[in-house]
Amino acid sequence: MRKKNKNKNNKNLNASWLKPYSLLQNYPLYIRSIPAEQELKFHYTVHTSLDVVDEKVSAMGKALVDQRELYLGLLYPTEDYKVYGYVTNSKVKFVMVVDSSNTALRDNEIRSMFRKLHNSYTDVMCNPFYNPGDRIHSRAFDNMVTSMMVQVC
């Protein structure tokens, strides 16, 4: 039985590198990692980063609603990874975890990846056969995520 989403405005989409994945009411909509064995480790990292995203969003307050640029930047660095965030006007949250050793990746490239991910997510949501809250099973979304992961790795 599928649980009903009581608060439809509280959506979380987390894309984490090396594991893009999304959450709606704290359960995954899309999970992907390179390597796949690291998935559980990144699951924890993404969940802890959601608290930082919420803090940044609440600190921005109404100013966030008025902005067109919703890139939150670096949420926090760890010894092995850097965690970045992005929030849409509809409160969809994206989180990206990148290997700290990847020094070639610039902030503007990460911002661009978030925009591509957001656009692809919007395409999934516009699909009349997709039920919001269900797992994302889209070949186009998979291909876009794969191309971005190859670019990062």
N, C-alpha and C. Protein backbone atom coordinates (compact mmCIF):
# COMPACT_ATOMS: atom_id res chain seq x y z
N MET A 1 0.84 -1.17 0.00
CA MET A 1 0.00 0.00 0.00
C MET A 1 0.89 1.24 0.00
N ARG A 2 0.56 2.19 -0.83
CA ARG A 2 1.35 3.42 -0.94
C ARG A 2 0.88 4.43 0.08
N LYS A 3 1.82 5.04 0.80
CA LYS A 3 1.47 6.07 1.77
C LYS A 3 1.18 7.36 1.03
N LYS A 4 0.19 8.07 1.49
CA LYS A 4 -0.15 9.37 0.91
C LYS A 4 0.81 10.42 1.47
N ASN A 5 1.19 11.34 0.63
CA ASN A 5 2.05 12.44 1.04
C ASN A 5 1.17 13.51 1.67
N LYS A 6 1.29 13.71 2.98
CA LYS A 6 0.45 14.67 3.67
C LYS A 6 0.80 16.10 3.31
N ASN A 7 2.09 16.39 3.14
CA ASN A 7 2.51 17.74 2.81
C ASN A 7 3.18 17.72 1.45
N LYS A 8 2.43 18.04 0.42
CA LYS A 8 2.95 17.95 -0.95
C LYS A 8 3.99 19.01 -1.24
N ASN A 9 4.10 20.06 -0.42
CA ASN A 9 5.10 21.09 -0.65
C ASN A 9 6.45 20.72 -0.07
N ASN A 10 6.52 19.68 0.74
CA ASN A 10 7.77 19.30 1.38
C ASN A 10 8.40 18.16 0.60
N LYS A 11 9.05 18.50 -0.51
CA LYS A 11 9.67 17.50 -1.37
C LYS A 11 11.17 17.64 -1.26
N ASN A 12 11.85 16.52 -1.24
CA ASN A 12 13.31 16.53 -1.20
C ASN A 12 13.81 15.71 -2.37
N LEU A 13 14.62 16.30 -3.20
CA LEU A 13 15.28 15.54 -4.25
C LEU A 13 16.76 15.67 -4.01
N ASN A 14 17.38 14.56 -3.72
CA ASN A 14 18.80 14.58 -3.45
C ASN A 14 19.53 13.85 -4.54
N ALA A 15 20.41 14.54 -5.16
CA ALA A 15 21.27 13.88 -6.12
C ALA A 15 22.66 13.94 -5.55
N SER A 16 23.22 12.81 -5.28
CA SER A 16 24.55 12.82 -4.70
C SER A 16 25.52 12.09 -5.59
N TRP A 17 26.64 12.68 -5.77
CA TRP A 17 27.72 12.05 -6.51
C TRP A 17 28.64 11.49 -5.47
N LEU A 18 28.93 10.42 -5.51
CA LEU A 18 28.83 9.37 -6.48
C LEU A 18 27.49 8.65 -6.44
N LYS A 19 26.51 9.23 -5.88
CA LYS A 19 25.21 8.58 -5.81
C LYS A 19 24.10 9.61 -5.96
N PRO A 20 23.57 9.82 -7.15
CA PRO A 20 22.39 10.67 -7.24
C PRO A 20 21.20 9.90 -6.72
N TYR A 21 20.47 10.49 -5.86
CA TYR A 21 19.27 9.84 -5.40
C TYR A 21 18.33 10.88 -4.85
N SER A 22 17.07 10.56 -4.83
CA SER A 22 16.10 11.55 -4.42
C SER A 22 15.24 11.05 -3.29
N LEU A 23 14.74 12.01 -2.57
CA LEU A 23 13.89 11.70 -1.43
C LEU A 23 12.58 12.47 -1.54
N LEU A 24 11.52 11.82 -1.21
CA LEU A 24 10.24 12.49 -1.04
C LEU A 24 9.75 12.01 0.31
N GLN A 25 9.65 12.91 1.26
CA GLN A 25 9.29 12.52 2.62
C GLN A 25 10.27 11.48 3.15
N ASN A 26 11.53 11.66 2.88
CA ASN A 26 12.63 10.84 3.39
C ASN A 26 12.63 9.40 2.93
N TYR A 27 12.15 9.12 1.75
CA TYR A 27 12.39 7.80 1.16
C TYR A 27 12.84 8.00 -0.28
N PRO A 28 13.73 7.13 -0.74
CA PRO A 28 14.36 7.34 -2.05
C PRO A 28 13.39 7.21 -3.22
N LEU A 29 13.53 8.13 -4.17
CA LEU A 29 12.81 8.06 -5.44
C LEU A 29 13.74 7.55 -6.53
N TYR A 30 15.00 7.85 -6.39
CA TYR A 30 15.98 7.46 -7.42
C TYR A 30 17.32 7.24 -6.73
N ILE A 31 17.90 6.07 -6.92
CA ILE A 31 19.18 5.76 -6.29
C ILE A 31 20.17 5.30 -7.35
N ARG A 32 21.34 5.87 -7.30
CA ARG A 32 22.38 5.50 -8.25
C ARG A 32 23.73 5.84 -7.65
N SER A 33 24.68 4.94 -7.69
CA SER A 33 26.01 5.25 -7.18
C SER A 33 27.08 4.58 -8.02
N ILE A 34 28.23 5.20 -8.02
CA ILE A 34 29.42 4.61 -8.65
C ILE A 34 30.51 4.66 -7.59
N PRO A 35 30.98 3.58 -7.07
CA PRO A 35 30.51 2.22 -7.28
C PRO A 35 29.25 1.94 -6.48
N ALA A 36 28.47 0.99 -6.91
CA ALA A 36 27.18 0.68 -6.30
C ALA A 36 27.32 0.23 -4.85
N GLU A 37 28.46 -0.34 -4.48
CA GLU A 37 28.67 -0.84 -3.12
C GLU A 37 28.70 0.30 -2.10
N GLN A 38 28.92 1.52 -2.53
CA GLN A 38 29.03 2.67 -1.63
C GLN A 38 27.68 3.28 -1.29
N GLU A 39 26.61 2.73 -1.79
CA GLU A 39 25.29 3.34 -1.68
C GLU A 39 24.88 3.65 -0.24
N LEU A 40 25.05 2.71 0.68
CA LEU A 40 24.64 2.91 2.06
C LEU A 40 25.43 4.04 2.72
N LYS A 41 26.71 4.10 2.44
CA LYS A 41 27.55 5.17 2.99
C LYS A 41 27.04 6.54 2.55
N PHE A 42 26.71 6.67 1.27
CA PHE A 42 26.23 7.95 0.77
C PHE A 42 24.82 8.26 1.25
N HIS A 43 24.04 7.24 1.50
CA HIS A 43 22.69 7.44 2.02
C HIS A 43 22.77 8.22 3.34
N TYR A 44 23.67 7.83 4.21
CA TYR A 44 23.86 8.53 5.49
C TYR A 44 24.34 9.96 5.25
N THR A 45 25.31 10.13 4.38
CA THR A 45 25.86 11.46 4.09
C THR A 45 24.78 12.40 3.57
N VAL A 46 23.94 11.91 2.68
CA VAL A 46 22.88 12.74 2.12
C VAL A 46 21.85 13.11 3.19
N HIS A 47 21.48 12.15 4.02
CA HIS A 47 20.51 12.46 5.08
C HIS A 47 21.04 13.51 6.05
N THR A 48 22.30 13.42 6.42
CA THR A 48 22.84 14.44 7.32
C THR A 48 22.94 15.79 6.64
N SER A 49 23.16 15.80 5.34
CA SER A 49 23.25 17.08 4.62
C SER A 49 21.90 17.77 4.50
N LEU A 50 20.81 17.02 4.58
CA LEU A 50 19.48 17.64 4.50
C LEU A 50 19.26 18.62 5.64
N ASP A 51 19.84 18.34 6.80
CA ASP A 51 19.74 19.28 7.92
C ASP A 51 20.43 20.60 7.58
N VAL A 52 21.57 20.52 6.93
CA VAL A 52 22.30 21.73 6.53
C VAL A 52 21.51 22.49 5.47
N VAL A 53 20.90 21.77 4.54
CA VAL A 53 20.07 22.40 3.51
C VAL A 53 18.91 23.15 4.18
N ASP A 54 18.23 22.49 5.12
CA ASP A 54 17.12 23.13 5.82
C ASP A 54 17.57 24.37 6.58
N GLU A 55 18.74 24.30 7.21
CA GLU A 55 19.27 25.46 7.93
C GLU A 55 19.53 26.62 6.97
N LYS A 56 20.15 26.33 5.83
CA LYS A 56 20.45 27.39 4.86
C LYS A 56 19.17 27.99 4.29
N VAL A 57 18.20 27.15 4.00
CA VAL A 57 16.94 27.64 3.43
C VAL A 57 16.21 28.51 4.44
N SER A 58 16.15 28.08 5.69
CA SER A 58 15.45 28.87 6.71
C SER A 58 16.21 30.17 7.00
N ALA A 59 17.53 30.16 6.91
CA ALA A 59 18.31 31.37 7.13
C ALA A 59 18.08 32.39 6.02
N MET A 60 17.87 31.88 4.80
CA MET A 60 17.60 32.78 3.67
C MET A 60 16.19 33.33 3.73
N GLY A 61 15.28 32.56 4.31
CA GLY A 61 13.91 32.99 4.49
C GLY A 61 13.23 33.37 3.19
N LYS A 62 12.55 34.50 3.22
CA LYS A 62 11.79 34.95 2.06
C LYS A 62 12.68 35.33 0.90
N ALA A 63 13.90 35.70 1.16
CA ALA A 63 14.83 36.08 0.08
C ALA A 63 15.03 34.93 -0.89
N LEU A 64 14.98 33.68 -0.39
CA LEU A 64 15.15 32.51 -1.25
C LEU A 64 14.02 32.41 -2.26
N VAL A 65 12.81 32.75 -1.84
CA VAL A 65 11.65 32.67 -2.74
C VAL A 65 11.80 33.66 -3.88
N ASP A 66 12.38 34.82 -3.59
CA ASP A 66 12.52 35.86 -4.60
C ASP A 66 13.68 35.61 -5.56
N GLN A 67 14.59 34.73 -5.20
CA GLN A 67 15.76 34.47 -6.03
C GLN A 67 15.43 33.54 -7.19
N ARG A 68 16.15 33.71 -8.27
CA ARG A 68 16.07 32.76 -9.37
C ARG A 68 17.20 31.73 -9.23
N GLU A 69 18.31 32.12 -8.63
CA GLU A 69 19.44 31.22 -8.44
C GLU A 69 19.29 30.54 -7.08
N LEU A 70 19.07 29.26 -7.12
CA LEU A 70 18.79 28.52 -5.89
C LEU A 70 19.92 27.58 -5.51
N TYR A 71 21.08 27.81 -6.05
CA TYR A 71 22.26 27.02 -5.74
C TYR A 71 22.75 27.40 -4.35
N LEU A 72 22.86 26.42 -3.47
CA LEU A 72 23.28 26.67 -2.10
C LEU A 72 24.79 26.59 -1.93
N GLY A 73 25.48 26.03 -2.90
CA GLY A 73 26.93 25.92 -2.82
C GLY A 73 27.37 24.76 -1.94
N LEU A 74 28.58 24.87 -1.43
CA LEU A 74 29.16 23.83 -0.59
C LEU A 74 28.43 23.79 0.74
N LEU A 75 27.81 22.65 1.05
CA LEU A 75 27.11 22.50 2.32
C LEU A 75 28.11 22.17 3.43
N TYR A 76 28.94 21.18 3.18
CA TYR A 76 30.03 20.89 4.10
C TYR A 76 31.02 19.93 3.45
N PRO A 77 32.29 20.11 3.78
CA PRO A 77 33.30 19.17 3.28
C PRO A 77 33.59 18.10 4.33
N THR A 78 33.88 16.91 3.89
CA THR A 78 34.38 15.86 4.79
C THR A 78 35.80 15.53 4.33
N GLU A 79 36.42 14.60 4.98
CA GLU A 79 37.78 14.22 4.59
C GLU A 79 37.82 13.65 3.18
N ASP A 80 36.78 12.89 2.83
CA ASP A 80 36.77 12.20 1.53
C ASP A 80 35.88 12.86 0.49
N TYR A 81 34.88 13.66 0.91
CA TYR A 81 33.88 14.16 -0.02
C TYR A 81 33.55 15.62 0.25
N LYS A 82 32.99 16.25 -0.78
CA LYS A 82 32.41 17.59 -0.66
C LYS A 82 30.93 17.44 -0.97
N VAL A 83 30.09 18.08 -0.17
CA VAL A 83 28.64 17.97 -0.33
C VAL A 83 28.09 19.32 -0.74
N TYR A 84 27.37 19.34 -1.87
CA TYR A 84 26.79 20.56 -2.42
C TYR A 84 25.27 20.47 -2.41
N GLY A 85 24.59 21.64 -2.40
CA GLY A 85 23.13 21.64 -2.37
C GLY A 85 22.50 22.63 -3.32
N TYR A 86 21.23 22.37 -3.62
CA TYR A 86 20.43 23.18 -4.54
C TYR A 86 18.98 22.99 -4.15
N VAL A 87 18.20 24.06 -4.11
CA VAL A 87 16.79 23.97 -3.76
C VAL A 87 15.98 24.74 -4.79
N THR A 88 14.90 24.13 -5.27
CA THR A 88 14.05 24.80 -6.25
C THR A 88 13.00 25.65 -5.54
N ASN A 89 12.28 26.45 -6.31
CA ASN A 89 11.20 27.26 -5.74
C ASN A 89 10.08 26.40 -5.17
N SER A 90 9.94 25.19 -5.67
CA SER A 90 8.90 24.29 -5.16
C SER A 90 9.42 23.41 -4.02
N LYS A 91 10.55 23.80 -3.44
CA LYS A 91 11.15 23.13 -2.28
C LYS A 91 11.69 21.74 -2.57
N VAL A 92 12.02 21.47 -3.81
CA VAL A 92 12.70 20.22 -4.15
C VAL A 92 14.18 20.44 -3.86
N LYS A 93 14.76 19.53 -3.09
CA LYS A 93 16.16 19.67 -2.67
C LYS A 93 17.04 18.67 -3.41
N PHE A 94 18.13 19.18 -3.94
CA PHE A 94 19.12 18.35 -4.61
C PHE A 94 20.40 18.39 -3.77
N VAL A 95 21.00 17.23 -3.57
CA VAL A 95 22.28 17.17 -2.86
C VAL A 95 23.25 16.37 -3.72
N MET A 96 24.46 16.89 -3.86
CA MET A 96 25.47 16.25 -4.68
C MET A 96 26.71 16.01 -3.82
N VAL A 97 27.18 14.77 -3.81
CA VAL A 97 28.39 14.41 -3.07
C VAL A 97 29.48 14.11 -4.08
N VAL A 98 30.58 14.86 -3.99
CA VAL A 98 31.68 14.74 -4.94
C VAL A 98 32.94 14.35 -4.20
N ASP A 99 33.73 13.51 -4.80
CA ASP A 99 35.01 13.10 -4.21
C ASP A 99 35.90 14.33 -4.02
N SER A 100 36.47 14.49 -2.83
CA SER A 100 37.31 15.65 -2.52
C SER A 100 38.56 15.71 -3.38
N SER A 101 39.01 14.58 -3.87
CA SER A 101 40.23 14.57 -4.68
C SER A 101 40.00 15.13 -6.08
N ASN A 102 38.75 15.34 -6.47
CA ASN A 102 38.44 15.90 -7.78
C ASN A 102 38.56 17.42 -7.72
N THR A 103 39.76 17.92 -7.96
CA THR A 103 40.01 19.36 -7.88
C THR A 103 39.71 20.07 -9.20
N ALA A 104 39.52 19.31 -10.26
CA ALA A 104 39.24 19.90 -11.57
C ALA A 104 37.81 20.42 -11.67
N LEU A 105 36.93 19.93 -10.82
CA LEU A 105 35.52 20.31 -10.86
C LEU A 105 35.34 21.68 -10.20
N ARG A 106 34.83 22.63 -10.93
CA ARG A 106 34.65 24.00 -10.45
C ARG A 106 33.21 24.23 -10.00
N ASP A 107 33.04 25.29 -9.22
CA ASP A 107 31.73 25.63 -8.67
C ASP A 107 30.70 25.88 -9.76
N ASN A 108 31.09 26.58 -10.82
CA ASN A 108 30.13 26.86 -11.91
C ASN A 108 29.74 25.59 -12.65
N GLU A 109 30.62 24.58 -12.71
CA GLU A 109 30.27 23.31 -13.33
C GLU A 109 29.26 22.55 -12.48
N ILE A 110 29.42 22.61 -11.17
CA ILE A 110 28.48 21.96 -10.27
C ILE A 110 27.12 22.64 -10.38
N ARG A 111 27.11 23.96 -10.42
CA ARG A 111 25.86 24.71 -10.59
C ARG A 111 25.16 24.30 -11.89
N SER A 112 25.93 24.16 -12.95
CA SER A 112 25.38 23.74 -14.24
C SER A 112 24.80 22.32 -14.16
N MET A 113 25.48 21.43 -13.45
CA MET A 113 24.97 20.07 -13.27
C MET A 113 23.65 20.06 -12.52
N PHE A 114 23.55 20.90 -11.49
CA PHE A 114 22.29 20.99 -10.75
C PHE A 114 21.16 21.48 -11.67
N ARG A 115 21.45 22.45 -12.50
CA ARG A 115 20.43 22.95 -13.43
C ARG A 115 19.97 21.85 -14.39
N LYS A 116 20.93 21.08 -14.92
CA LYS A 116 20.58 19.97 -15.81
C LYS A 116 19.75 18.93 -15.08
N LEU A 117 20.15 18.62 -13.86
CA LEU A 117 19.41 17.66 -13.05
C LEU A 117 18.00 18.16 -12.77
N HIS A 118 17.88 19.44 -12.45
CA HIS A 118 16.58 20.05 -12.20
C HIS A 118 15.70 19.99 -13.45
N ASN A 119 16.27 20.32 -14.60
CA ASN A 119 15.50 20.26 -15.86
C ASN A 119 15.05 18.85 -16.17
N SER A 120 15.92 17.88 -15.96
CA SER A 120 15.56 16.49 -16.22
C SER A 120 14.49 16.01 -15.24
N TYR A 121 14.60 16.43 -13.98
CA TYR A 121 13.59 16.09 -12.98
C TYR A 121 12.24 16.70 -13.36
N THR A 122 12.27 17.93 -13.86
CA THR A 122 11.04 18.59 -14.30
C THR A 122 10.40 17.82 -15.45
N ASP A 123 11.21 17.32 -16.37
CA ASP A 123 10.69 16.50 -17.47
C ASP A 123 10.01 15.24 -16.94
N VAL A 124 10.60 14.62 -15.93
CA VAL A 124 9.99 13.42 -15.32
C VAL A 124 8.65 13.79 -14.70
N MET A 125 8.60 14.91 -13.98
CA MET A 125 7.36 15.32 -13.31
C MET A 125 6.27 15.68 -14.32
N CYS A 126 6.66 16.15 -15.50
CA CYS A 126 5.69 16.52 -16.54
C CYS A 126 5.15 15.32 -17.30
N ASN A 127 5.74 14.17 -17.11
CA ASN A 127 5.27 12.96 -17.77
C ASN A 127 3.91 12.58 -17.19
N PRO A 128 2.87 12.50 -18.02
CA PRO A 128 1.53 12.19 -17.50
C PRO A 128 1.42 10.79 -16.91
N PHE A 129 2.37 9.92 -17.20
CA PHE A 129 2.33 8.56 -16.67
C PHE A 129 3.11 8.40 -15.37
N TYR A 130 3.74 9.48 -14.92
CA TYR A 130 4.49 9.43 -13.66
C TYR A 130 3.60 9.91 -12.53
N ASN A 131 3.56 9.14 -11.45
CA ASN A 131 2.83 9.53 -10.25
C ASN A 131 3.81 10.14 -9.26
N PRO A 132 3.65 11.42 -8.91
CA PRO A 132 4.57 12.03 -7.95
C PRO A 132 4.65 11.20 -6.67
N GLY A 133 5.87 10.96 -6.23
CA GLY A 133 6.10 10.16 -5.05
C GLY A 133 6.55 8.74 -5.36
N ASP A 134 6.32 8.29 -6.61
CA ASP A 134 6.80 6.97 -7.02
C ASP A 134 8.28 7.05 -7.37
N ARG A 135 8.94 5.89 -7.37
CA ARG A 135 10.34 5.84 -7.79
C ARG A 135 10.44 6.31 -9.24
N ILE A 136 11.54 6.96 -9.54
CA ILE A 136 11.77 7.45 -10.90
C ILE A 136 12.36 6.33 -11.73
N HIS A 137 11.64 5.94 -12.79
CA HIS A 137 12.11 4.94 -13.76
C HIS A 137 12.02 5.58 -15.14
N SER A 138 13.02 6.36 -15.46
CA SER A 138 13.02 7.09 -16.73
C SER A 138 14.37 6.88 -17.42
N ARG A 139 14.33 6.39 -18.63
CA ARG A 139 15.57 6.16 -19.39
C ARG A 139 16.28 7.49 -19.65
N ALA A 140 15.53 8.53 -19.96
CA ALA A 140 16.14 9.84 -20.22
C ALA A 140 16.82 10.38 -18.97
N PHE A 141 16.16 10.23 -17.81
CA PHE A 141 16.74 10.68 -16.55
C PHE A 141 18.01 9.88 -16.25
N ASP A 142 17.94 8.55 -16.43
CA ASP A 142 19.12 7.69 -16.22
C ASP A 142 20.28 8.10 -17.12
N ASN A 143 19.99 8.35 -18.38
CA ASN A 143 21.04 8.73 -19.32
C ASN A 143 21.68 10.06 -18.94
N MET A 144 20.87 11.01 -18.51
CA MET A 144 21.40 12.31 -18.10
C MET A 144 22.28 12.15 -16.87
N VAL A 145 21.82 11.39 -15.88
CA VAL A 145 22.60 11.17 -14.65
C VAL A 145 23.90 10.44 -14.98
N THR A 146 23.82 9.43 -15.82
CA THR A 146 25.02 8.68 -16.21
C THR A 146 26.04 9.59 -16.89
N SER A 147 25.59 10.44 -17.79
CA SER A 147 26.52 11.33 -18.48
C SER A 147 27.18 12.30 -17.51
N MET A 148 26.44 12.79 -16.52
CA MET A 148 27.03 13.69 -15.53
C MET A 148 28.00 12.94 -14.62
N MET A 149 27.67 11.72 -14.25
CA MET A 149 28.56 10.94 -13.38
C MET A 149 29.86 10.61 -14.10
N VAL A 150 29.78 10.30 -15.38
CA VAL A 150 30.99 10.02 -16.17
C VAL A 150 31.85 11.28 -16.25
N GLN A 151 31.21 12.42 -16.39
CA GLN A 151 31.92 13.70 -16.45
C GLN A 151 32.66 13.97 -15.15
N VAL A 152 32.06 13.62 -14.02
CA VAL A 152 32.64 13.88 -12.70
C VAL A 152 33.74 12.89 -12.38
N CYS A 153 33.54 11.63 -12.73
CA CYS A 153 34.49 10.57 -12.33
C CYS A 153 35.74 10.55 -13.16
